[in-house]
């Protein structure tokens, strides 16, 4: 019986909580001047008001250099809004900006978790790593003081998938089956 309970605890911990997943998006797979939108939905992230920019074409790489490769994203005449499928934390990316940036993080109910105003006004020609230490983020809004005033590259975050109800039901029925087998063995050996 103790072994069954140990198995139950281990399986619940592994499946019930789910592994955290670190994600890096470098935007290199995007063609020039394409709205990002649901391009990365398979990674559990969705963008709004973001457009891809390619160095040497739509992006002035002298003032706004990508931190890696040739492609970065910029705001498309409105603040970039990023929605996550799973609770997210440890969000960071490289930014080049021509005006002060404000980051606002929201939970799954749309309540403000926290905000961060970058103290810099401009870093033309360089990139700056900006890290946000919010937890359980469902959406993030990045706003500059002027439109088309910043680019973002090498976007990183960590998300923790929440198991679906069907997965929990399957896990629960499997564990009940294990308990039944263990009980039967105890009765037979008694």
N, C-alpha and C. Protein backbone atom coordinates (compact mmCIF):
# COMPACT_ATOMS: atom_id res chain seq x y z
N UNK A 1 0.82 -1.19 0.00
CA UNK A 1 0.00 0.00 0.00
C UNK A 1 0.87 1.26 0.00
N UNK A 2 1.98 1.22 0.76
CA UNK A 2 2.87 2.37 0.79
C UNK A 2 3.48 2.62 -0.58
N UNK A 3 3.80 1.52 -1.28
CA UNK A 3 4.37 1.64 -2.62
C UNK A 3 3.36 2.29 -3.56
N UNK A 4 2.11 1.90 -3.48
CA UNK A 4 1.07 2.47 -4.32
C UNK A 4 0.91 3.96 -4.05
N UNK A 5 0.94 4.34 -2.80
CA UNK A 5 0.81 5.77 -2.46
C UNK A 5 2.02 6.55 -2.97
N UNK A 6 3.20 5.94 -2.92
CA UNK A 6 4.40 6.61 -3.43
C UNK A 6 4.29 6.80 -4.94
N UNK A 7 3.83 5.75 -5.63
CA UNK A 7 3.63 5.86 -7.08
C UNK A 7 2.61 6.94 -7.39
N UNK A 8 1.50 6.96 -6.63
CA UNK A 8 0.46 7.97 -6.81
C UNK A 8 1.04 9.38 -6.66
N UNK A 9 1.82 9.59 -5.61
CA UNK A 9 2.40 10.92 -5.36
C UNK A 9 3.35 11.32 -6.47
N UNK A 10 4.20 10.39 -6.92
CA UNK A 10 5.16 10.71 -7.99
C UNK A 10 4.46 11.04 -9.29
N UNK A 11 3.48 10.22 -9.68
CA UNK A 11 2.76 10.46 -10.93
C UNK A 11 2.00 11.78 -10.87
N UNK A 12 1.34 12.04 -9.76
CA UNK A 12 0.61 13.30 -9.63
C UNK A 12 1.55 14.49 -9.72
N UNK A 13 2.70 14.40 -9.08
CA UNK A 13 3.67 15.50 -9.12
C UNK A 13 4.17 15.73 -10.53
N UNK A 14 4.52 14.65 -11.23
CA UNK A 14 5.07 14.78 -12.58
C UNK A 14 4.02 15.27 -13.56
N UNK A 15 2.84 14.67 -13.56
CA UNK A 15 1.81 15.01 -14.53
C UNK A 15 0.98 16.20 -14.08
N UNK A 16 0.64 16.26 -12.79
CA UNK A 16 -0.26 17.30 -12.30
C UNK A 16 0.33 18.69 -12.36
N UNK A 17 1.58 18.83 -12.01
CA UNK A 17 2.18 20.15 -12.02
C UNK A 17 2.69 20.50 -13.40
N UNK A 18 3.29 19.56 -14.08
CA UNK A 18 3.79 19.79 -15.43
C UNK A 18 5.14 20.47 -15.41
N UNK A 19 5.97 20.14 -16.37
CA UNK A 19 7.30 20.72 -16.42
C UNK A 19 7.27 22.16 -16.91
N UNK A 20 8.16 22.96 -16.38
CA UNK A 20 8.30 24.33 -16.87
C UNK A 20 9.05 24.27 -18.19
N UNK A 21 8.68 25.14 -19.11
CA UNK A 21 9.32 25.15 -20.41
C UNK A 21 9.88 26.51 -20.74
N UNK A 22 11.18 26.56 -21.01
CA UNK A 22 11.82 27.80 -21.44
C UNK A 22 11.67 27.93 -22.94
N UNK A 23 11.31 29.11 -23.40
CA UNK A 23 11.08 29.35 -24.83
C UNK A 23 11.92 30.55 -25.26
N UNK A 24 12.58 30.42 -26.42
CA UNK A 24 13.32 31.51 -27.04
C UNK A 24 12.75 31.71 -28.44
N UNK A 25 12.37 32.94 -28.75
CA UNK A 25 11.91 33.28 -30.09
C UNK A 25 12.86 34.33 -30.64
N UNK A 26 13.56 33.98 -31.74
CA UNK A 26 14.51 34.93 -32.33
C UNK A 26 13.94 35.65 -33.55
N UNK A 27 12.75 35.29 -33.99
CA UNK A 27 12.00 35.92 -35.07
C UNK A 27 12.63 35.75 -36.45
N UNK A 28 13.70 34.97 -36.58
CA UNK A 28 14.40 34.82 -37.87
C UNK A 28 13.55 34.15 -38.93
N UNK A 29 12.54 33.39 -38.56
CA UNK A 29 11.72 32.68 -39.54
C UNK A 29 10.64 33.56 -40.16
N UNK A 30 10.52 34.80 -39.70
CA UNK A 30 9.48 35.70 -40.22
C UNK A 30 9.93 36.41 -41.49
N UNK A 31 9.08 36.47 -42.52
CA UNK A 31 9.39 37.30 -43.67
C UNK A 31 9.25 38.78 -43.31
N UNK A 32 9.76 39.65 -44.14
CA UNK A 32 9.75 41.08 -43.87
C UNK A 32 8.34 41.66 -43.91
N UNK A 33 8.06 42.57 -42.98
CA UNK A 33 6.81 43.33 -42.90
C UNK A 33 5.55 42.46 -42.79
N UNK A 34 5.62 41.44 -41.96
CA UNK A 34 4.48 40.55 -41.74
C UNK A 34 3.97 40.74 -40.31
N UNK A 35 2.65 40.95 -40.13
CA UNK A 35 2.12 40.98 -38.76
C UNK A 35 2.40 39.65 -38.07
N UNK A 36 2.91 39.69 -36.85
CA UNK A 36 3.32 38.47 -36.16
C UNK A 36 2.11 37.66 -35.72
N UNK A 37 1.12 38.28 -35.11
CA UNK A 37 -0.14 37.66 -34.68
C UNK A 37 0.06 36.26 -34.09
N UNK A 38 -0.47 35.21 -34.74
CA UNK A 38 -0.43 33.85 -34.20
C UNK A 38 0.68 33.00 -34.81
N UNK A 39 1.70 33.63 -35.34
CA UNK A 39 2.79 32.92 -35.98
C UNK A 39 3.47 31.93 -35.03
N UNK A 40 3.50 32.25 -33.74
CA UNK A 40 4.14 31.39 -32.73
C UNK A 40 3.14 30.75 -31.79
N UNK A 41 1.92 30.53 -32.25
CA UNK A 41 0.89 29.94 -31.40
C UNK A 41 1.25 28.53 -30.95
N UNK A 42 2.04 27.79 -31.74
CA UNK A 42 2.44 26.44 -31.33
C UNK A 42 3.35 26.48 -30.10
N UNK A 43 3.95 27.64 -29.83
CA UNK A 43 4.78 27.82 -28.64
C UNK A 43 3.98 28.39 -27.47
N UNK A 44 2.69 28.63 -27.68
CA UNK A 44 1.84 29.13 -26.60
C UNK A 44 1.88 30.63 -26.43
N UNK A 45 2.23 31.36 -27.49
CA UNK A 45 2.32 32.82 -27.39
C UNK A 45 1.70 33.45 -28.65
N UNK A 46 0.97 34.56 -28.43
CA UNK A 46 0.27 35.24 -29.50
C UNK A 46 0.57 36.74 -29.41
N UNK A 47 0.84 37.36 -30.55
CA UNK A 47 1.20 38.77 -30.60
C UNK A 47 0.10 39.58 -31.26
N UNK A 48 -0.02 40.81 -30.84
CA UNK A 48 -0.94 41.76 -31.45
C UNK A 48 -0.19 43.07 -31.62
N UNK A 49 -0.40 43.76 -32.74
CA UNK A 49 0.24 45.04 -33.04
C UNK A 49 1.76 44.92 -33.15
N UNK A 50 2.24 43.77 -33.62
CA UNK A 50 3.67 43.56 -33.82
C UNK A 50 3.91 43.21 -35.28
N UNK A 51 4.97 43.76 -35.85
CA UNK A 51 5.30 43.52 -37.24
C UNK A 51 6.78 43.15 -37.36
N UNK A 52 7.08 42.24 -38.27
CA UNK A 52 8.47 41.82 -38.47
C UNK A 52 9.22 42.86 -39.30
N UNK A 53 10.47 43.08 -38.94
CA UNK A 53 11.32 44.06 -39.62
C UNK A 53 12.66 43.40 -39.91
N UNK A 54 13.15 43.55 -41.14
CA UNK A 54 14.39 42.92 -41.56
C UNK A 54 15.47 43.97 -41.81
N UNK A 55 16.64 43.74 -41.21
CA UNK A 55 17.77 44.66 -41.38
C UNK A 55 18.12 44.78 -42.85
N UNK A 56 18.34 46.02 -43.29
CA UNK A 56 18.70 46.28 -44.68
C UNK A 56 17.50 46.45 -45.60
N UNK A 57 16.31 46.14 -45.10
CA UNK A 57 15.09 46.31 -45.90
C UNK A 57 14.18 47.30 -45.19
N UNK A 58 13.32 46.81 -44.33
CA UNK A 58 12.38 47.69 -43.62
C UNK A 58 12.95 48.22 -42.31
N UNK A 59 14.13 47.73 -41.92
CA UNK A 59 14.71 48.12 -40.63
C UNK A 59 16.04 48.83 -40.84
N UNK A 60 16.16 50.02 -40.28
CA UNK A 60 17.42 50.76 -40.28
C UNK A 60 18.32 50.14 -39.20
N UNK A 61 19.20 49.23 -39.63
CA UNK A 61 20.01 48.49 -38.67
C UNK A 61 21.11 49.32 -38.03
N UNK A 62 21.35 50.52 -38.52
CA UNK A 62 22.33 51.39 -37.87
C UNK A 62 21.75 51.92 -36.56
N UNK A 63 20.54 52.44 -36.61
CA UNK A 63 19.89 52.95 -35.40
C UNK A 63 19.22 51.84 -34.58
N UNK A 64 18.64 50.86 -35.27
CA UNK A 64 17.90 49.78 -34.61
C UNK A 64 18.49 48.41 -34.98
N UNK A 65 19.66 48.08 -34.44
CA UNK A 65 20.26 46.79 -34.80
C UNK A 65 19.59 45.62 -34.07
N UNK A 66 19.25 44.54 -34.80
CA UNK A 66 18.77 43.34 -34.11
C UNK A 66 19.89 42.79 -33.22
N UNK A 67 19.54 42.14 -32.14
CA UNK A 67 20.57 41.61 -31.24
C UNK A 67 21.18 40.34 -31.81
N UNK A 68 20.45 39.64 -32.68
CA UNK A 68 20.99 38.46 -33.36
C UNK A 68 20.30 38.34 -34.71
N UNK A 69 20.99 37.84 -35.68
CA UNK A 69 20.40 37.65 -37.00
C UNK A 69 20.02 38.96 -37.67
N UNK A 70 18.99 38.88 -38.52
CA UNK A 70 18.57 40.04 -39.30
C UNK A 70 17.16 40.52 -38.98
N UNK A 71 16.35 39.69 -38.31
CA UNK A 71 14.94 40.02 -38.12
C UNK A 71 14.65 40.33 -36.65
N UNK A 72 13.87 41.37 -36.44
CA UNK A 72 13.35 41.74 -35.11
C UNK A 72 11.89 42.11 -35.32
N UNK A 73 11.17 42.40 -34.25
CA UNK A 73 9.81 42.88 -34.40
C UNK A 73 9.70 44.28 -33.79
N UNK A 74 8.76 45.05 -34.32
CA UNK A 74 8.51 46.38 -33.81
C UNK A 74 7.03 46.59 -33.60
N UNK A 75 6.71 47.69 -32.92
CA UNK A 75 5.30 48.01 -32.70
C UNK A 75 4.71 48.51 -34.02
N UNK A 76 3.50 48.11 -34.30
CA UNK A 76 2.83 48.45 -35.55
C UNK A 76 1.75 49.49 -35.27
N UNK A 77 2.18 50.72 -34.95
CA UNK A 77 1.31 51.86 -34.70
C UNK A 77 0.46 51.74 -33.44
N UNK A 78 0.81 50.80 -32.57
CA UNK A 78 0.10 50.63 -31.29
C UNK A 78 1.00 49.80 -30.39
N UNK A 79 0.78 49.82 -29.07
CA UNK A 79 1.60 48.98 -28.18
C UNK A 79 1.50 47.50 -28.54
N UNK A 80 2.62 46.80 -28.45
CA UNK A 80 2.61 45.36 -28.69
C UNK A 80 1.93 44.69 -27.50
N UNK A 81 1.00 43.79 -27.82
CA UNK A 81 0.32 43.00 -26.79
C UNK A 81 0.69 41.54 -27.01
N UNK A 82 1.12 40.88 -25.94
CA UNK A 82 1.53 39.49 -26.02
C UNK A 82 0.66 38.69 -25.05
N UNK A 83 0.00 37.66 -25.57
CA UNK A 83 -0.84 36.78 -24.75
C UNK A 83 -0.18 35.40 -24.67
N UNK A 84 -0.18 34.82 -23.48
CA UNK A 84 0.41 33.51 -23.24
C UNK A 84 -0.68 32.49 -22.96
N UNK A 85 -0.53 31.27 -23.50
CA UNK A 85 -1.50 30.21 -23.25
C UNK A 85 -1.40 29.65 -21.83
N UNK A 86 -0.21 29.74 -21.22
CA UNK A 86 0.03 29.19 -19.89
C UNK A 86 0.63 30.27 -19.00
N UNK A 87 0.49 30.16 -17.69
CA UNK A 87 1.11 31.13 -16.78
C UNK A 87 2.62 31.23 -17.09
N UNK A 88 3.10 32.45 -17.17
CA UNK A 88 4.46 32.70 -17.64
C UNK A 88 5.23 33.55 -16.64
N UNK A 89 6.54 33.38 -16.64
CA UNK A 89 7.42 34.16 -15.77
C UNK A 89 8.77 34.31 -16.46
N UNK A 90 9.70 35.01 -15.81
CA UNK A 90 11.05 35.19 -16.33
C UNK A 90 11.05 35.65 -17.79
N UNK A 91 10.37 36.74 -18.05
CA UNK A 91 10.26 37.27 -19.41
C UNK A 91 11.41 38.25 -19.63
N UNK A 92 12.15 38.05 -20.72
CA UNK A 92 13.20 39.00 -21.06
C UNK A 92 13.45 39.00 -22.56
N UNK A 93 13.95 40.13 -23.05
CA UNK A 93 14.24 40.30 -24.47
C UNK A 93 15.23 41.45 -24.63
N UNK A 94 15.77 41.56 -25.84
CA UNK A 94 16.67 42.66 -26.18
C UNK A 94 15.87 43.74 -26.89
N UNK A 95 16.09 44.98 -26.49
CA UNK A 95 15.35 46.11 -27.06
C UNK A 95 16.31 47.19 -27.54
N UNK A 96 15.94 47.83 -28.64
CA UNK A 96 16.53 49.09 -29.08
C UNK A 96 15.36 50.05 -29.16
N UNK A 97 15.51 51.24 -28.58
CA UNK A 97 14.36 52.13 -28.47
C UNK A 97 14.77 53.59 -28.65
N UNK A 98 13.81 54.37 -29.10
CA UNK A 98 13.98 55.81 -29.27
C UNK A 98 13.11 56.62 -28.34
N UNK A 99 12.40 55.94 -27.45
CA UNK A 99 11.61 56.61 -26.42
C UNK A 99 11.48 55.65 -25.25
N UNK A 100 11.10 56.19 -24.11
CA UNK A 100 10.97 55.38 -22.90
C UNK A 100 9.92 54.28 -23.09
N UNK A 101 10.21 53.09 -22.57
CA UNK A 101 9.31 51.95 -22.71
C UNK A 101 8.61 51.64 -21.39
N UNK A 102 7.34 51.26 -21.49
CA UNK A 102 6.56 50.84 -20.33
C UNK A 102 6.07 49.42 -20.57
N UNK A 103 6.27 48.56 -19.57
CA UNK A 103 5.86 47.16 -19.63
C UNK A 103 4.77 46.95 -18.57
N UNK A 104 3.63 46.40 -18.98
CA UNK A 104 2.53 46.13 -18.06
C UNK A 104 2.15 44.66 -18.16
N UNK A 105 2.18 43.94 -17.02
CA UNK A 105 1.88 42.51 -16.98
C UNK A 105 0.52 42.30 -16.32
N UNK A 106 -0.27 41.37 -16.90
CA UNK A 106 -1.62 41.09 -16.41
C UNK A 106 -1.79 39.60 -16.14
N UNK A 107 -2.64 39.27 -15.17
CA UNK A 107 -2.93 37.87 -14.87
C UNK A 107 -4.07 37.38 -15.76
N UNK A 108 -4.52 36.14 -15.51
CA UNK A 108 -5.56 35.53 -16.35
C UNK A 108 -6.91 36.24 -16.26
N UNK A 109 -7.13 37.04 -15.21
CA UNK A 109 -8.38 37.77 -15.05
C UNK A 109 -8.30 39.20 -15.58
N UNK A 110 -7.15 39.56 -16.15
CA UNK A 110 -6.96 40.90 -16.68
C UNK A 110 -6.56 41.93 -15.64
N UNK A 111 -6.23 41.46 -14.43
CA UNK A 111 -5.79 42.38 -13.38
C UNK A 111 -4.29 42.66 -13.53
N UNK A 112 -3.91 43.89 -13.30
CA UNK A 112 -2.52 44.29 -13.41
C UNK A 112 -1.69 43.61 -12.31
N UNK A 113 -0.67 42.86 -12.72
CA UNK A 113 0.25 42.23 -11.77
C UNK A 113 1.33 43.22 -11.37
N UNK A 114 1.82 43.94 -12.36
CA UNK A 114 2.87 44.91 -12.11
C UNK A 114 3.27 45.61 -13.39
N UNK A 115 4.02 46.68 -13.25
CA UNK A 115 4.51 47.40 -14.42
C UNK A 115 5.95 47.83 -14.17
N UNK A 116 6.63 48.09 -15.26
CA UNK A 116 8.02 48.51 -15.21
C UNK A 116 8.22 49.58 -16.27
N UNK A 117 8.79 50.70 -15.88
CA UNK A 117 9.12 51.76 -16.82
C UNK A 117 10.64 51.79 -16.95
N UNK A 118 11.11 51.53 -18.16
CA UNK A 118 12.55 51.54 -18.40
C UNK A 118 13.07 52.97 -18.24
N UNK A 119 14.10 53.17 -17.42
CA UNK A 119 14.56 54.54 -17.18
C UNK A 119 15.25 55.20 -18.38
N UNK A 120 15.73 54.39 -19.33
CA UNK A 120 16.41 54.97 -20.49
C UNK A 120 15.44 55.63 -21.44
N UNK A 121 15.92 56.65 -22.13
CA UNK A 121 15.10 57.36 -23.11
C UNK A 121 15.43 56.92 -24.52
N UNK A 122 16.70 56.59 -24.77
CA UNK A 122 17.12 56.17 -26.11
C UNK A 122 18.41 55.37 -26.00
N UNK A 123 18.52 54.33 -26.80
CA UNK A 123 19.77 53.57 -26.90
C UNK A 123 20.08 53.25 -28.36
N UNK A 124 19.84 54.20 -29.25
CA UNK A 124 20.08 53.99 -30.68
C UNK A 124 21.45 53.38 -30.92
N UNK A 125 21.51 52.43 -31.83
CA UNK A 125 22.76 51.81 -32.23
C UNK A 125 23.21 50.67 -31.34
N UNK A 126 22.51 50.41 -30.23
CA UNK A 126 22.86 49.31 -29.33
C UNK A 126 21.60 48.54 -28.97
N UNK A 127 21.76 47.48 -28.22
CA UNK A 127 20.60 46.76 -27.70
C UNK A 127 20.74 46.68 -26.19
N UNK A 128 19.60 46.56 -25.53
CA UNK A 128 19.58 46.45 -24.07
C UNK A 128 18.71 45.27 -23.68
N UNK A 129 19.24 44.41 -22.83
CA UNK A 129 18.47 43.30 -22.29
C UNK A 129 17.59 43.83 -21.17
N UNK A 130 16.29 43.63 -21.30
CA UNK A 130 15.34 44.04 -20.27
C UNK A 130 14.65 42.78 -19.75
N UNK A 131 14.75 42.57 -18.43
CA UNK A 131 14.16 41.39 -17.80
C UNK A 131 13.03 41.81 -16.87
N UNK A 132 11.93 41.08 -16.93
CA UNK A 132 10.77 41.35 -16.10
C UNK A 132 10.59 40.17 -15.15
N UNK A 133 10.55 40.43 -13.87
CA UNK A 133 10.46 39.37 -12.87
C UNK A 133 9.05 39.21 -12.32
N UNK A 134 8.07 39.17 -13.19
CA UNK A 134 6.69 38.93 -12.78
C UNK A 134 6.40 37.44 -12.90
N UNK A 135 5.46 36.94 -12.08
CA UNK A 135 5.05 35.53 -12.18
C UNK A 135 3.57 35.46 -12.52
N UNK A 136 3.16 34.32 -13.06
CA UNK A 136 1.77 34.06 -13.46
C UNK A 136 1.23 35.10 -14.43
N UNK A 137 2.05 35.46 -15.41
CA UNK A 137 1.67 36.46 -16.42
C UNK A 137 0.85 35.77 -17.51
N UNK A 138 -0.32 36.32 -17.82
CA UNK A 138 -1.13 35.83 -18.92
C UNK A 138 -1.03 36.73 -20.14
N UNK A 139 -0.74 38.02 -19.91
CA UNK A 139 -0.54 38.93 -21.04
C UNK A 139 0.42 40.05 -20.63
N UNK A 140 1.08 40.57 -21.64
CA UNK A 140 2.07 41.63 -21.45
C UNK A 140 1.85 42.69 -22.51
N UNK A 141 1.88 43.96 -22.11
CA UNK A 141 1.76 45.08 -23.04
C UNK A 141 3.05 45.88 -22.99
N UNK A 142 3.63 46.14 -24.16
CA UNK A 142 4.87 46.91 -24.26
C UNK A 142 4.55 48.17 -25.05
N UNK A 143 4.74 49.32 -24.42
CA UNK A 143 4.39 50.59 -25.06
C UNK A 143 5.57 51.55 -25.04
N UNK A 144 5.79 52.21 -26.17
CA UNK A 144 6.74 53.31 -26.24
C UNK A 144 5.99 54.62 -26.16
N UNK A 145 6.70 55.69 -25.92
CA UNK A 145 6.03 57.00 -25.85
C UNK A 145 5.65 57.52 -27.22
N UNK A 146 6.22 56.93 -28.26
CA UNK A 146 5.88 57.30 -29.64
C UNK A 146 5.68 56.00 -30.42
N UNK A 147 4.91 56.05 -31.51
CA UNK A 147 4.71 54.86 -32.34
C UNK A 147 5.98 54.57 -33.12
N UNK A 148 6.18 53.29 -33.41
CA UNK A 148 7.35 52.82 -34.16
C UNK A 148 8.65 53.30 -33.53
N UNK A 149 8.71 53.25 -32.19
CA UNK A 149 9.87 53.81 -31.49
C UNK A 149 10.80 52.75 -30.91
N UNK A 150 10.51 51.45 -31.14
CA UNK A 150 11.37 50.42 -30.58
C UNK A 150 11.28 49.12 -31.38
N UNK A 151 12.31 48.29 -31.20
CA UNK A 151 12.28 46.94 -31.72
C UNK A 151 12.60 45.97 -30.58
N UNK A 152 12.16 44.73 -30.74
CA UNK A 152 12.41 43.68 -29.76
C UNK A 152 12.99 42.48 -30.50
N UNK A 153 13.98 41.84 -29.90
CA UNK A 153 14.59 40.64 -30.49
C UNK A 153 14.92 39.66 -29.38
N UNK A 154 15.07 38.39 -29.74
CA UNK A 154 15.43 37.32 -28.82
C UNK A 154 14.53 37.33 -27.57
N UNK A 155 13.25 37.09 -27.80
CA UNK A 155 12.23 37.10 -26.76
C UNK A 155 12.26 35.77 -26.02
N UNK A 156 12.40 35.80 -24.69
CA UNK A 156 12.49 34.61 -23.85
C UNK A 156 11.43 34.63 -22.77
N UNK A 157 10.91 33.45 -22.43
CA UNK A 157 9.99 33.34 -21.30
C UNK A 157 9.95 31.89 -20.84
N UNK A 158 9.45 31.70 -19.64
CA UNK A 158 9.27 30.36 -19.08
C UNK A 158 7.80 30.20 -18.76
N UNK A 159 7.20 29.12 -19.28
CA UNK A 159 5.79 28.87 -19.00
C UNK A 159 5.62 27.50 -18.35
N UNK A 160 4.56 27.38 -17.57
CA UNK A 160 4.22 26.13 -16.91
C UNK A 160 2.86 25.69 -17.41
N UNK A 161 2.84 24.64 -18.24
CA UNK A 161 1.55 24.16 -18.73
C UNK A 161 0.66 23.67 -17.59
N UNK A 162 -0.61 24.01 -17.68
CA UNK A 162 -1.60 23.55 -16.71
C UNK A 162 -2.32 22.37 -17.34
N UNK A 163 -2.40 21.23 -16.65
CA UNK A 163 -3.04 20.06 -17.27
C UNK A 163 -4.51 20.32 -17.56
N UNK A 164 -4.96 19.77 -18.67
CA UNK A 164 -6.36 19.90 -19.06
C UNK A 164 -7.21 18.98 -18.19
N UNK A 165 -8.50 19.28 -18.03
CA UNK A 165 -9.37 18.42 -17.22
C UNK A 165 -9.39 16.97 -17.70
N UNK A 166 -9.35 16.76 -19.02
CA UNK A 166 -9.38 15.39 -19.54
C UNK A 166 -8.12 14.63 -19.11
N UNK A 167 -6.98 15.31 -19.08
CA UNK A 167 -5.74 14.68 -18.64
C UNK A 167 -5.84 14.28 -17.18
N UNK A 168 -6.38 15.17 -16.35
CA UNK A 168 -6.55 14.85 -14.93
C UNK A 168 -7.53 13.70 -14.72
N UNK A 169 -8.59 13.64 -15.53
CA UNK A 169 -9.55 12.55 -15.43
C UNK A 169 -8.88 11.23 -15.78
N UNK A 170 -8.09 11.22 -16.85
CA UNK A 170 -7.37 10.01 -17.25
C UNK A 170 -6.38 9.59 -16.17
N UNK A 171 -5.66 10.54 -15.62
CA UNK A 171 -4.71 10.25 -14.55
C UNK A 171 -5.44 9.68 -13.32
N UNK A 172 -6.54 10.28 -12.95
CA UNK A 172 -7.29 9.82 -11.78
C UNK A 172 -7.83 8.42 -11.96
N UNK A 173 -8.37 8.12 -13.15
CA UNK A 173 -8.90 6.76 -13.37
C UNK A 173 -7.78 5.74 -13.37
N UNK A 174 -6.62 6.08 -13.89
CA UNK A 174 -5.47 5.18 -13.86
C UNK A 174 -5.00 4.91 -12.44
N UNK A 175 -4.99 5.95 -11.63
CA UNK A 175 -4.57 5.78 -10.24
C UNK A 175 -5.57 4.96 -9.44
N UNK A 176 -6.86 5.14 -9.72
CA UNK A 176 -7.87 4.30 -9.05
C UNK A 176 -7.67 2.84 -9.43
N UNK A 177 -7.34 2.58 -10.68
CA UNK A 177 -7.05 1.21 -11.13
C UNK A 177 -5.86 0.64 -10.40
N UNK A 178 -4.80 1.43 -10.22
CA UNK A 178 -3.63 0.97 -9.48
C UNK A 178 -3.98 0.65 -8.03
N UNK A 179 -4.79 1.51 -7.42
CA UNK A 179 -5.20 1.26 -6.05
C UNK A 179 -6.02 -0.03 -5.93
N UNK A 180 -6.88 -0.27 -6.94
CA UNK A 180 -7.68 -1.50 -6.94
C UNK A 180 -6.81 -2.74 -7.05
N UNK A 181 -5.80 -2.69 -7.93
CA UNK A 181 -4.88 -3.82 -8.08
C UNK A 181 -4.10 -4.04 -6.79
N UNK A 182 -3.63 -2.97 -6.18
CA UNK A 182 -2.87 -3.09 -4.93
C UNK A 182 -3.74 -3.69 -3.83
N UNK A 183 -4.99 -3.26 -3.76
CA UNK A 183 -5.90 -3.77 -2.72
C UNK A 183 -6.17 -5.25 -2.92
N UNK A 184 -6.34 -5.64 -4.19
CA UNK A 184 -6.59 -7.04 -4.50
C UNK A 184 -5.41 -7.91 -4.09
N UNK A 185 -4.18 -7.42 -4.33
CA UNK A 185 -2.98 -8.16 -3.95
C UNK A 185 -2.90 -8.30 -2.42
N UNK A 186 -3.28 -7.27 -1.70
CA UNK A 186 -3.24 -7.33 -0.24
C UNK A 186 -4.22 -8.38 0.27
N UNK A 187 -5.42 -8.42 -0.31
CA UNK A 187 -6.44 -9.38 0.11
C UNK A 187 -5.99 -10.80 -0.21
N UNK A 188 -5.40 -11.01 -1.39
CA UNK A 188 -4.95 -12.34 -1.80
C UNK A 188 -3.82 -12.83 -0.91
N UNK A 189 -2.89 -11.99 -0.55
CA UNK A 189 -1.73 -12.37 0.26
C UNK A 189 -2.05 -12.46 1.76
N UNK A 190 -3.23 -12.07 2.17
CA UNK A 190 -3.57 -12.09 3.60
C UNK A 190 -3.93 -13.47 4.08
